[in-house]
C-alpha atoms as a PDB file:
ATOM      1  CA  MET A   1     -64.017 -76.366  -9.249  1.00  0.00           C
ATOM      2  CA  GLU A   2     -61.368 -77.161 -12.046  1.00  0.00           C
ATOM      3  CA  ARG A   3     -62.806 -78.976 -14.837  1.00  0.00           C
ATOM      4  CA  ASN A   4     -61.606 -82.354 -16.770  1.00  0.00           C
ATOM      5  CA  PHE A   5     -60.428 -82.058 -19.988  1.00  0.00           C
ATOM      6  CA  LEU A   6     -58.774 -84.270 -22.453  1.00  0.00           C
ATOM      7  CA  PRO A   7     -55.356 -82.983 -22.970  1.00  0.00           C
ATOM      8  CA  GLY A   8     -55.531 -79.973 -25.782  1.00  0.00           C
ATOM      9  CA  THR A   9     -58.985 -80.416 -26.530  1.00  0.00           C
ATOM     10  CA  GLU A  10     -62.470 -79.077 -25.010  1.00  0.00           C
ATOM     11  CA  ILE A  11     -63.375 -82.409 -24.539  1.00  0.00           C
ATOM     12  CA  GLU A  12     -65.006 -82.341 -21.185  1.00  0.00           C
ATOM     13  CA  ILE A  13     -64.877 -85.704 -18.737  1.00  0.00           C
ATOM     14  CA  ILE A  14     -67.280 -85.909 -16.232  1.00  0.00           C
ATOM     15  CA  ASN A  15     -67.770 -89.301 -15.864  1.00  0.00           C
ATOM     16  CA  SER A  16     -64.114 -91.100 -16.162  1.00  0.00           C
ATOM     17  CA  ASN A  17     -65.543 -93.954 -15.244  1.00  0.00           C
ATOM     18  CA  VAL A  18     -67.734 -94.686 -18.024  1.00  0.00           C
ATOM     19  CA  SER A  19     -67.311 -97.823 -20.110  1.00  0.00           C
ATOM     20  CA  LEU A  20     -66.086 -96.994 -23.539  1.00  0.00           C
ATOM     21  CA  GLY A  21     -65.079 -98.565 -26.947  1.00  0.00           C
ATOM     22  CA  GLN A  22     -68.395-100.535 -26.975  1.00  0.00           C
ATOM     23  CA  ILE A  23     -70.733 -98.804 -28.779  1.00  0.00           C
ATOM     24  CA  ARG A  24     -72.766-100.079 -31.901  1.00  0.00           C
ATOM     25  CA  HIS A  25     -75.892 -97.432 -31.560  1.00  0.00           C
ATOM     26  CA  ALA A  26     -75.943 -93.846 -31.707  1.00  0.00           C
ATOM     27  CA  LEU A  27     -79.228 -91.586 -31.139  1.00  0.00           C
ATOM     28  CA  PHE A  28     -79.681 -88.312 -31.214  1.00  0.00           C
ATOM     29  CA  ASP A  29     -81.658 -84.855 -30.322  1.00  0.00           C
ATOM     30  CA  PHE A  30     -82.172 -82.891 -33.445  1.00  0.00           C
ATOM     31  CA  ASP A  31     -82.691 -79.450 -32.548  1.00  0.00           C
ATOM     32  CA  GLY A  32     -79.685 -77.766 -30.835  1.00  0.00           C
ATOM     33  CA  THR A  33     -77.229 -80.853 -31.498  1.00  0.00           C
ATOM     34  CA  ILE A  34     -77.585 -81.250 -35.355  1.00  0.00           C
ATOM     35  CA  SER A  35     -79.852 -78.527 -36.686  1.00  0.00           C
ATOM     36  CA  LEU A  36     -79.900 -74.948 -35.938  1.00  0.00           C
ATOM     37  CA  LEU A  37     -82.811 -74.110 -38.337  1.00  0.00           C
ATOM     38  CA  ARG A  38     -85.084 -73.740 -34.841  1.00  0.00           C
ATOM     39  CA  GLU A  39     -82.468 -71.562 -32.401  1.00  0.00           C
ATOM     40  CA  GLY A  40     -84.357 -69.302 -30.434  1.00  0.00           C
ATOM     41  CA  TRP A  41     -87.319 -71.801 -30.620  1.00  0.00           C
ATOM     42  CA  GLN A  42     -87.080 -70.700 -26.244  1.00  0.00           C
ATOM     43  CA  HIS A  43     -87.575 -66.693 -26.717  1.00  0.00           C
ATOM     44  CA  ILE A  44     -90.601 -67.883 -28.888  1.00  0.00           C
ATOM     45  CA  MET A  45     -92.067 -70.340 -26.578  1.00  0.00           C
ATOM     46  CA  GLY A  46     -91.433 -68.710 -23.757  1.00  0.00           C
ATOM     47  CA  PRO A  47     -93.574 -65.066 -24.379  1.00  0.00           C
ATOM     48  CA  VAL A  48     -96.478 -67.318 -26.037  1.00  0.00           C
ATOM     49  CA  CYS A  49     -96.571 -69.048 -22.521  1.00  0.00           C
ATOM     50  CA  VAL A  50     -96.096 -65.725 -20.218  1.00  0.00           C
ATOM     51  CA  GLU A  51     -99.003 -64.176 -22.651  1.00  0.00           C
ATOM     52  CA  MET A  52    -101.492 -67.215 -22.252  1.00  0.00           C
ATOM     53  CA  ILE A  53    -100.614 -66.910 -18.476  1.00  0.00           C
ATOM     54  CA  ALA A  54    -101.305 -63.347 -17.907  1.00  0.00           C
ATOM     55  CA  GLY A  55    -104.424 -63.353 -19.951  1.00  0.00           C
ATOM     56  CA  ASP A  56    -106.014 -59.606 -20.051  1.00  0.00           C
ATOM     57  CA  THR A  57    -103.753 -58.676 -16.935  1.00  0.00           C
ATOM     58  CA  GLU A  58     -99.947 -57.633 -17.336  1.00  0.00           C
ATOM     59  CA  PRO A  59     -97.402 -60.242 -16.740  1.00  0.00           C
ATOM     60  CA  THR A  60     -94.933 -60.210 -13.567  1.00  0.00           C
ATOM     61  CA  ASP A  61     -91.785 -61.552 -13.533  1.00  0.00           C
ATOM     62  CA  ASP A  62     -92.374 -64.274 -11.182  1.00  0.00           C
ATOM     63  CA  ILE A  63     -94.391 -65.938 -14.064  1.00  0.00           C
ATOM     64  CA  ARG A  64     -91.573 -64.747 -16.504  1.00  0.00           C
ATOM     65  CA  GLU A  65     -89.514 -66.771 -14.261  1.00  0.00           C
ATOM     66  CA  ALA A  66     -92.176 -69.700 -13.754  1.00  0.00           C
ATOM     67  CA  VAL A  67     -92.002 -70.043 -17.426  1.00  0.00           C
ATOM     68  CA  ALA A  68     -88.230 -70.083 -18.096  1.00  0.00           C
ATOM     69  CA  LYS A  69     -87.716 -72.969 -15.520  1.00  0.00           C
ATOM     70  CA  MET A  70     -89.967 -74.931 -17.110  1.00  0.00           C
ATOM     71  CA  ILE A  71     -88.994 -74.542 -20.310  1.00  0.00           C
ATOM     72  CA  ASP A  72     -85.372 -75.618 -18.956  1.00  0.00           C
ATOM     73  CA  GLU A  73     -86.421 -78.594 -16.987  1.00  0.00           C
ATOM     74  CA  THR A  74     -88.125 -79.871 -20.261  1.00  0.00           C
ATOM     75  CA  THR A  75     -86.302 -79.154 -23.367  1.00  0.00           C
ATOM     76  CA  GLY A  76     -86.036 -82.049 -25.280  1.00  0.00           C
ATOM     77  CA  ILE A  77     -89.768 -83.439 -24.151  1.00  0.00           C
ATOM     78  CA  GLN A  78     -92.696 -83.777 -26.883  1.00  0.00           C
ATOM     79  CA  THR A  79     -93.908 -80.065 -27.343  1.00  0.00           C
ATOM     80  CA  ILE A  80     -97.587 -81.285 -25.965  1.00  0.00           C
ATOM     81  CA  TYR A  81     -96.353 -82.393 -23.029  1.00  0.00           C
ATOM     82  CA  GLN A  82     -94.985 -78.998 -22.517  1.00  0.00           C
ATOM     83  CA  MET A  83     -98.208 -77.371 -23.771  1.00  0.00           C
ATOM     84  CA  GLU A  84     -99.973 -79.691 -21.352  1.00  0.00           C
ATOM     85  CA  ARG A  85     -98.083 -77.767 -18.172  1.00  0.00           C
ATOM     86  CA  LEU A  86     -98.758 -74.577 -19.875  1.00  0.00           C
ATOM     87  CA  VAL A  87    -102.457 -75.646 -19.376  1.00  0.00           C
ATOM     88  CA  GLU A  88    -102.072 -76.477 -15.956  1.00  0.00           C
ATOM     89  CA  MET A  89     -99.973 -73.273 -15.031  1.00  0.00           C
ATOM     90  CA  VAL A  90    -102.786 -70.955 -16.775  1.00  0.00           C
ATOM     91  CA  ARG A  91    -105.062 -72.617 -14.114  1.00  0.00           C
ATOM     92  CA  GLU A  92    -102.724 -72.262 -11.222  1.00  0.00           C
ATOM     93  CA  TRP A  93    -102.327 -69.065 -11.979  1.00  0.00           C
ATOM     94  CA  GLY A  94    -106.218 -68.175 -12.276  1.00  0.00           C
ATOM     95  CA  ARG A  95    -105.811 -64.925 -14.330  1.00  0.00           C
ATOM     96  CA  VAL A  96    -107.419 -66.370 -17.467  1.00  0.00           C
ATOM     97  CA  PRO A  97    -111.432 -67.382 -16.741  1.00  0.00           C
ATOM     98  CA  GLU A  98    -112.043 -71.382 -16.996  1.00  0.00           C
ATOM     99  CA  GLN A  99    -114.066 -70.557 -20.559  1.00  0.00           C
ATOM    100  CA  ASN A 100    -111.320 -69.085 -21.983  1.00  0.00           C
ATOM    101  CA  ILE A 101    -108.554 -71.767 -20.842  1.00  0.00           C
ATOM    102  CA  LEU A 102    -107.098 -73.337 -24.408  1.00  0.00           C
ATOM    103  CA  THR A 103    -106.560 -77.009 -24.945  1.00  0.00           C
ATOM    104  CA  ALA A 104    -102.586 -78.416 -25.251  1.00  0.00           C
ATOM    105  CA  GLU A 105    -103.349 -78.801 -28.758  1.00  0.00           C
ATOM    106  CA  GLN A 106    -104.682 -74.926 -29.415  1.00  0.00           C
ATOM    107  CA  TYR A 107    -101.638 -74.006 -27.233  1.00  0.00           C
ATOM    108  CA  LYS A 108     -98.893 -75.889 -29.347  1.00  0.00           C
ATOM    109  CA  GLN A 109    -100.741 -74.468 -32.458  1.00  0.00           C
ATOM    110  CA  ILE A 110    -100.128 -70.887 -31.416  1.00  0.00           C
ATOM    111  CA  TYR A 111     -96.660 -71.502 -30.506  1.00  0.00           C
ATOM    112  CA  LEU A 112     -95.516 -73.510 -33.839  1.00  0.00           C
ATOM    113  CA  ASP A 113     -97.529 -71.028 -35.739  1.00  0.00           C
ATOM    114  CA  ARG A 114     -95.092 -68.220 -34.345  1.00  0.00           C
ATOM    115  CA  LEU A 115     -92.277 -70.274 -34.417  1.00  0.00           C
ATOM    116  CA  MET A 116     -92.579 -71.574 -37.970  1.00  0.00           C
ATOM    117  CA  VAL A 117     -91.938 -67.889 -39.717  1.00  0.00           C
ATOM    118  CA  PRO A 118     -87.975 -68.018 -38.474  1.00  0.00           C
ATOM    119  CA  VAL A 119     -87.754 -71.585 -39.234  1.00  0.00           C
ATOM    120  CA  ARG A 120     -88.884 -71.186 -43.083  1.00  0.00           C
ATOM    121  CA  GLU A 121     -87.371 -67.674 -43.319  1.00  0.00           C
ATOM    122  CA  ARG A 122     -84.023 -69.661 -42.530  1.00  0.00           C
ATOM    123  CA  ILE A 123     -85.483 -72.252 -45.199  1.00  0.00           C
ATOM    124  CA  ALA A 124     -85.764 -69.479 -47.653  1.00  0.00           C
ATOM    125  CA  LEU A 125     -82.093 -68.279 -47.086  1.00  0.00           C
ATOM    126  CA  ILE A 126     -80.883 -71.749 -47.779  1.00  0.00           C
ATOM    127  CA  GLU A 127     -82.720 -72.027 -51.216  1.00  0.00           C
ATOM    128  CA  ARG A 128     -82.421 -68.783 -52.227  1.00  0.00           C
ATOM    129  CA  GLY A 129     -78.322 -69.344 -52.269  1.00  0.00           C
ATOM    130  CA  GLU A 130     -78.240 -66.017 -49.536  1.00  0.00           C
ATOM    131  CA  LYS A 131     -77.208 -69.018 -46.850  1.00  0.00           C
ATOM    132  CA  THR A 132     -75.725 -72.592 -47.027  1.00  0.00           C
ATOM    133  CA  VAL A 133     -76.643 -75.575 -44.766  1.00  0.00           C
ATOM    134  CA  ASP A 134     -73.343 -75.391 -42.937  1.00  0.00           C
ATOM    135  CA  ASP A 135     -75.040 -71.644 -41.512  1.00  0.00           C
ATOM    136  CA  PHE A 136     -77.647 -74.123 -39.786  1.00  0.00           C
ATOM    137  CA  ARG A 137     -75.833 -77.192 -38.417  1.00  0.00           C
ATOM    138  CA  VAL A 138     -74.101 -77.514 -35.471  1.00  0.00           C
ATOM    139  CA  SER A 139     -69.911 -76.850 -36.329  1.00  0.00           C
ATOM    140  CA  GLY A 140     -68.485 -80.113 -37.035  1.00  0.00           C
ATOM    141  CA  VAL A 141     -71.231 -82.423 -36.561  1.00  0.00           C
ATOM    142  CA  THR A 142     -71.327 -84.279 -40.184  1.00  0.00           C
ATOM    143  CA  ARG A 143     -67.995 -85.570 -39.535  1.00  0.00           C
ATOM    144  CA  PHE A 144     -68.744 -86.567 -36.290  1.00  0.00           C
ATOM    145  CA  LEU A 145     -71.725 -88.555 -38.626  1.00  0.00           C
ATOM    146  CA  GLU A 146     -69.512 -89.971 -41.008  1.00  0.00           C
ATOM    147  CA  LEU A 147     -67.256 -90.769 -38.708  1.00  0.00           C
ATOM    148  CA  LEU A 148     -69.098 -92.901 -37.053  1.00  0.00           C
ATOM    149  CA  GLN A 149     -70.646 -94.597 -39.680  1.00  0.00           C
ATOM    150  CA  THR A 150     -67.069 -95.560 -40.885  1.00  0.00           C
ATOM    151  CA  ARG A 151     -67.291 -97.528 -37.614  1.00  0.00           C
ATOM    152  CA  GLY A 152     -70.338 -99.231 -38.104  1.00  0.00           C
ATOM    153  CA  VAL A 153     -72.784 -97.360 -35.842  1.00  0.00           C
ATOM    154  CA  LYS A 154     -76.317 -97.502 -36.430  1.00  0.00           C
ATOM    155  CA  MET A 155     -77.443 -93.885 -35.517  1.00  0.00           C
ATOM    156  CA  TYR A 156     -80.604 -92.507 -35.208  1.00  0.00           C
ATOM    157  CA  VAL A 157     -82.588 -89.141 -34.604  1.00  0.00           C
ATOM    158  CA  PHE A 158     -85.091 -89.101 -32.067  1.00  0.00           C
ATOM    159  CA  SER A 159     -86.904 -85.665 -31.208  1.00  0.00           C
ATOM    160  CA  GLY A 160     -89.281 -83.914 -29.234  1.00  0.00           C
ATOM    161  CA  THR A 161     -90.814 -82.208 -32.800  1.00  0.00           C
ATOM    162  CA  ASP A 162     -93.180 -83.363 -34.661  1.00  0.00           C
ATOM    163  CA  ARG A 163     -92.192 -86.440 -37.078  1.00  0.00           C
ATOM    164  CA  ASP A 164     -92.935 -84.544 -40.339  1.00  0.00           C
ATOM    165  CA  ASP A 165     -91.058 -81.608 -39.318  1.00  0.00           C
ATOM    166  CA  VAL A 166     -88.032 -83.077 -38.149  1.00  0.00           C
ATOM    167  CA  ARG A 167     -87.872 -85.640 -41.302  1.00  0.00           C
ATOM    168  CA  HIS A 168     -88.252 -82.094 -43.983  1.00  0.00           C
ATOM    169  CA  GLU A 169     -85.486 -80.691 -41.431  1.00  0.00           C
ATOM    170  CA  ALA A 170     -83.092 -83.440 -41.530  1.00  0.00           C
ATOM    171  CA  GLY A 171     -83.454 -83.482 -45.397  1.00  0.00           C
ATOM    172  CA  VAL A 172     -83.081 -79.582 -46.169  1.00  0.00           C
ATOM    173  CA  VAL A 173     -79.662 -79.660 -43.408  1.00  0.00           C
ATOM    174  CA  GLY A 174     -78.538 -82.614 -45.672  1.00  0.00           C
ATOM    175  CA  VAL A 175     -78.208 -85.100 -42.454  1.00  0.00           C
ATOM    176  CA  ALA A 176     -81.220 -87.532 -43.535  1.00  0.00           C
ATOM    177  CA  ASP A 177     -79.332 -90.067 -45.228  1.00  0.00           C
ATOM    178  CA  TYR A 178     -76.764 -90.927 -41.933  1.00  0.00           C
ATOM    179  CA  PHE A 179     -80.022 -92.097 -39.881  1.00  0.00           C
ATOM    180  CA  GLU A 180     -81.392 -95.343 -39.908  1.00  0.00           C
ATOM    181  CA  GLU A 181     -85.015 -94.064 -38.538  1.00  0.00           C
ATOM    182  CA  ILE A 182     -85.490 -90.068 -37.915  1.00  0.00           C
ATOM    183  CA  TRP A 183     -88.469 -90.323 -34.672  1.00  0.00           C
ATOM    184  CA  GLY A 184     -90.427 -87.160 -33.824  1.00  0.00           C
ATOM    185  CA  ALA A 185     -93.300 -86.793 -32.049  1.00  0.00           C
ATOM    186  CA  LEU A 186     -96.839 -88.188 -33.266  1.00  0.00           C
ATOM    187  CA  PRO A 187    -100.532 -87.010 -32.560  1.00  0.00           C
ATOM    188  CA  SER A 188    -100.719 -89.634 -30.490  1.00  0.00           C
ATOM    189  CA  LYS A 189     -98.239 -88.859 -27.651  1.00  0.00           C
ATOM    190  CA  GLU A 190     -98.093 -92.387 -25.710  1.00  0.00           C
ATOM    191  CA  GLU A 191     -97.047 -93.958 -29.414  1.00  0.00           C
ATOM    192  CA  TYR A 192     -93.638 -92.370 -28.830  1.00  0.00           C
ATOM    193  CA  SER A 193     -91.034 -90.899 -26.456  1.00  0.00           C
ATOM    194  CA  LYS A 194     -87.269 -90.839 -26.111  1.00  0.00           C
ATOM    195  CA  GLU A 195     -87.472 -93.449 -22.928  1.00  0.00           C
ATOM    196  CA  LYS A 196     -88.961 -95.716 -25.164  1.00  0.00           C
ATOM    197  CA  VAL A 197     -87.297 -95.661 -28.240  1.00  0.00           C
ATOM    198  CA  ILE A 198     -84.318 -96.496 -26.253  1.00  0.00           C
ATOM    199  CA  ARG A 199     -85.844 -99.626 -24.643  1.00  0.00           C
ATOM    200  CA  GLU A 200     -86.853-100.358 -27.886  1.00  0.00           C
ATOM    201  CA  ILE A 201     -83.642-100.140 -29.275  1.00  0.00           C
ATOM    202  CA  MET A 202     -81.711-102.247 -27.032  1.00  0.00           C
ATOM    203  CA  ALA A 203     -84.605-105.232 -26.590  1.00  0.00           C
ATOM    204  CA  ALA A 204     -84.826-105.617 -31.056  1.00  0.00           C
ATOM    205  CA  HIS A 205     -80.586-105.949 -30.714  1.00  0.00           C
ATOM    206  CA  GLN A 206     -80.309-107.153 -27.468  1.00  0.00           C
ATOM    207  CA  LEU A 207     -77.900-104.345 -26.350  1.00  0.00           C
ATOM    208  CA  SER A 208     -76.140-103.754 -23.078  1.00  0.00           C
ATOM    209  CA  GLY A 209     -76.099 -99.797 -21.594  1.00  0.00           C
ATOM    210  CA  PRO A 210     -72.215 -99.181 -23.201  1.00  0.00           C
ATOM    211  CA  GLN A 211     -73.382-100.310 -26.823  1.00  0.00           C
ATOM    212  CA  VAL A 212     -75.602 -97.475 -26.733  1.00  0.00           C
ATOM    213  CA  LEU A 213     -74.417 -93.700 -26.911  1.00  0.00           C
ATOM    214  CA  ALA A 214     -77.141 -90.558 -26.709  1.00  0.00           C
ATOM    215  CA  VAL A 215     -75.846 -87.082 -27.865  1.00  0.00           C
ATOM    216  CA  GLY A 216     -78.316 -84.435 -27.225  1.00  0.00           C
ATOM    217  CA  ASP A 217     -78.502 -81.033 -26.063  1.00  0.00           C
ATOM    218  CA  GLY A 218     -81.110 -81.280 -23.224  1.00  0.00           C
ATOM    219  CA  PRO A 219     -81.672 -83.259 -19.928  1.00  0.00           C
ATOM    220  CA  VAL A 220     -84.375 -85.681 -21.403  1.00  0.00           C
ATOM    221  CA  GLU A 221     -82.476 -87.755 -23.761  1.00  0.00           C
ATOM    222  CA  LEU A 222     -79.417 -87.777 -21.230  1.00  0.00           C
ATOM    223  CA  ARG A 223     -81.405 -88.735 -18.024  1.00  0.00           C
ATOM    224  CA  ASN A 224     -83.334 -91.243 -20.184  1.00  0.00           C
ATOM    225  CA  ILE A 225     -80.275 -92.876 -21.711  1.00  0.00           C
ATOM    226  CA  LYS A 226     -78.333 -93.008 -17.697  1.00  0.00           C
ATOM    227  CA  GLU A 227     -81.390 -95.207 -16.844  1.00  0.00           C
ATOM    228  CA  ALA A 228     -81.138 -97.518 -19.084  1.00  0.00           C
ATOM    229  CA  GLY A 229     -77.120 -97.305 -19.038  1.00  0.00           C
ATOM    230  CA  GLY A 230     -76.044 -95.802 -21.985  1.00  0.00           C
ATOM    231  CA  ILE A 231     -73.183 -93.546 -22.214  1.00  0.00           C
ATOM    232  CA  ALA A 232     -74.517 -89.937 -21.830  1.00  0.00           C
ATOM    233  CA  LEU A 233     -72.703 -87.252 -24.600  1.00  0.00           C
ATOM    234  CA  GLY A 234     -73.837 -83.731 -24.041  1.00  0.00           C
ATOM    235  CA  VAL A 235     -73.245 -81.195 -26.567  1.00  0.00           C
ATOM    236  CA  ALA A 236     -73.262 -77.368 -24.640  1.00  0.00           C
ATOM    237  CA  SER A 237     -73.359 -75.532 -27.989  1.00  0.00           C
ATOM    238  CA  ASP A 238     -73.831 -71.602 -28.570  1.00  0.00           C
ATOM    239  CA  GLU A 239     -77.030 -71.596 -31.143  1.00  0.00           C
ATOM    240  CA  LYS A 240     -76.294 -68.478 -32.140  1.00  0.00           C
ATOM    241  CA  ARG A 241     -72.880 -69.049 -33.250  1.00  0.00           C
ATOM    242  CA  GLY A 242     -73.189 -73.161 -34.313  1.00  0.00           C
ATOM    243  CA  TYR A 243     -69.916 -73.428 -32.163  1.00  0.00           C
ATOM    244  CA  GLY A 244     -68.614 -72.516 -28.534  1.00  0.00           C
ATOM    245  CA  TRP A 245     -69.628 -73.217 -25.163  1.00  0.00           C
ATOM    246  CA  ASP A 246     -72.793 -72.030 -23.739  1.00  0.00           C
ATOM    247  CA  MET A 247     -72.160 -72.653 -20.237  1.00  0.00           C
ATOM    248  CA  HIS A 248     -76.271 -72.663 -18.758  1.00  0.00           C
ATOM    249  CA  LYS A 249     -76.894 -75.591 -21.371  1.00  0.00           C
ATOM    250  CA  ARG A 250     -73.730 -77.023 -19.580  1.00  0.00           C
ATOM    251  CA  GLN A 251     -75.152 -77.172 -16.255  1.00  0.00           C
ATOM    252  CA  ARG A 252     -78.276 -78.454 -17.661  1.00  0.00           C
ATOM    253  CA  LEU A 253     -76.512 -81.354 -18.826  1.00  0.00           C
ATOM    254  CA  ILE A 254     -73.916 -81.756 -15.946  1.00  0.00           C
ATOM    255  CA  ARG A 255     -77.519 -82.116 -13.137  1.00  0.00           C
ATOM    256  CA  ALA A 256     -79.119 -84.633 -16.333  1.00  0.00           C
ATOM    257  CA  GLY A 257     -75.994 -86.763 -16.080  1.00  0.00           C
ATOM    258  CA  ALA A 258     -74.021 -86.342 -18.770  1.00  0.00           C
ATOM    259  CA  ASP A 259     -70.796 -88.564 -18.928  1.00  0.00           C
ATOM    260  CA  ILE A 260     -68.955 -86.231 -22.017  1.00  0.00           C
ATOM    261  CA  LEU A 261     -69.634 -82.693 -22.723  1.00  0.00           C
ATOM    262  CA  VAL A 262     -68.062 -80.819 -26.058  1.00  0.00           C
ATOM    263  CA  PRO A 263     -69.418 -77.024 -26.778  1.00  0.00           C
ATOM    264  CA  ASP A 264     -69.619 -78.641 -30.521  1.00  0.00           C
ATOM    265  CA  PHE A 265     -68.048 -81.249 -33.022  1.00  0.00           C
ATOM    266  CA  ARG A 266     -65.327 -79.726 -34.134  1.00  0.00           C
ATOM    267  CA  GLU A 267     -63.140 -81.783 -32.566  1.00  0.00           C
ATOM    268  CA  ALA A 268     -64.773 -84.821 -33.900  1.00  0.00           C
ATOM    269  CA  ASP A 269     -62.157 -87.223 -34.732  1.00  0.00           C
ATOM    270  CA  THR A 270     -60.856 -87.062 -31.360  1.00  0.00           C
ATOM    271  CA  LEU A 271     -63.898 -86.880 -29.776  1.00  0.00           C
ATOM    272  CA  THR A 272     -64.616 -90.666 -31.758  1.00  0.00           C
ATOM    273  CA  GLN A 273     -61.676 -91.825 -31.420  1.00  0.00           C
ATOM    274  CA  TYR A 274     -62.071 -91.496 -27.239  1.00  0.00           C
ATOM    275  CA  LEU A 275     -65.562 -93.291 -27.573  1.00  0.00           C
ATOM    276  CA  PHE A 276     -63.911 -95.973 -29.277  1.00  0.00           C
ATOM    277  CA  ASN A 277     -60.694 -96.237 -26.594  1.00  0.00           C
ATOM    278  CA  GLU A 278     -59.049 -95.703 -29.258  1.00  0.00           C
ATOM    279  CA  LEU A 279     -56.162 -92.700 -27.966  1.00  0.00           C
ATOM    280  CA  SER A 280     -52.798 -93.732 -27.128  1.00  0.00           C
ATOM    281  CA  CYS A 281     -52.254 -92.682 -23.498  1.00  0.00           C
END
């Protein structure tokens, strides 16, 4: 199927009927959309889940495929919900005695203990001057944030990562000051969800759908914003490089309802002009 790009760009238009030019508030996912500090998290969560499901038995391709599917479908949701699904999967596969099945919180801690090893090393690389913050940001994202800021857009981060961690990491990669608020997962999971954040911002500021933009690389935030009538900008970026297309992400984001897709923010100026109906025909 032929793809529809803005002429001369990699900005892909999926829904040309979206109502543009009215954006007043923008919500950003963090990991994979702005920050690359947690690049590869799926390759840590996946083996953890497979290991927990298999227990003392040999893992099979069926288990690996089921885990990969679960992670793909839940990217962007709070980690604790993914771990609750893991608990269910451990029971469903029946390889671990009931008395040895851990809680979602315990599985989450195992996963985070492993994930934070590379994250802390990446932060140390920045602190030692061996890498710069640009090495751990999606290409062009600060330019895009600046352009939205100059147009008076109020911006927020809403992430499935724990709130204290996402606030710290936003500071590390130098973007914290762009945002009115940085939300993340809380100990009581009922207190926070991306859907709730969208609903509360729209109510508090009396916004209609096209006045709200959600930007993310996961299906959760895009589905949530489309349900609220807003605009969904999908970021299908190759996280290893920090730019260019990840075609698997692209398909996932199309299924989630993306109106617009970009591989990164290197064309931030044209993208912003399109979002605000400023492009001359």
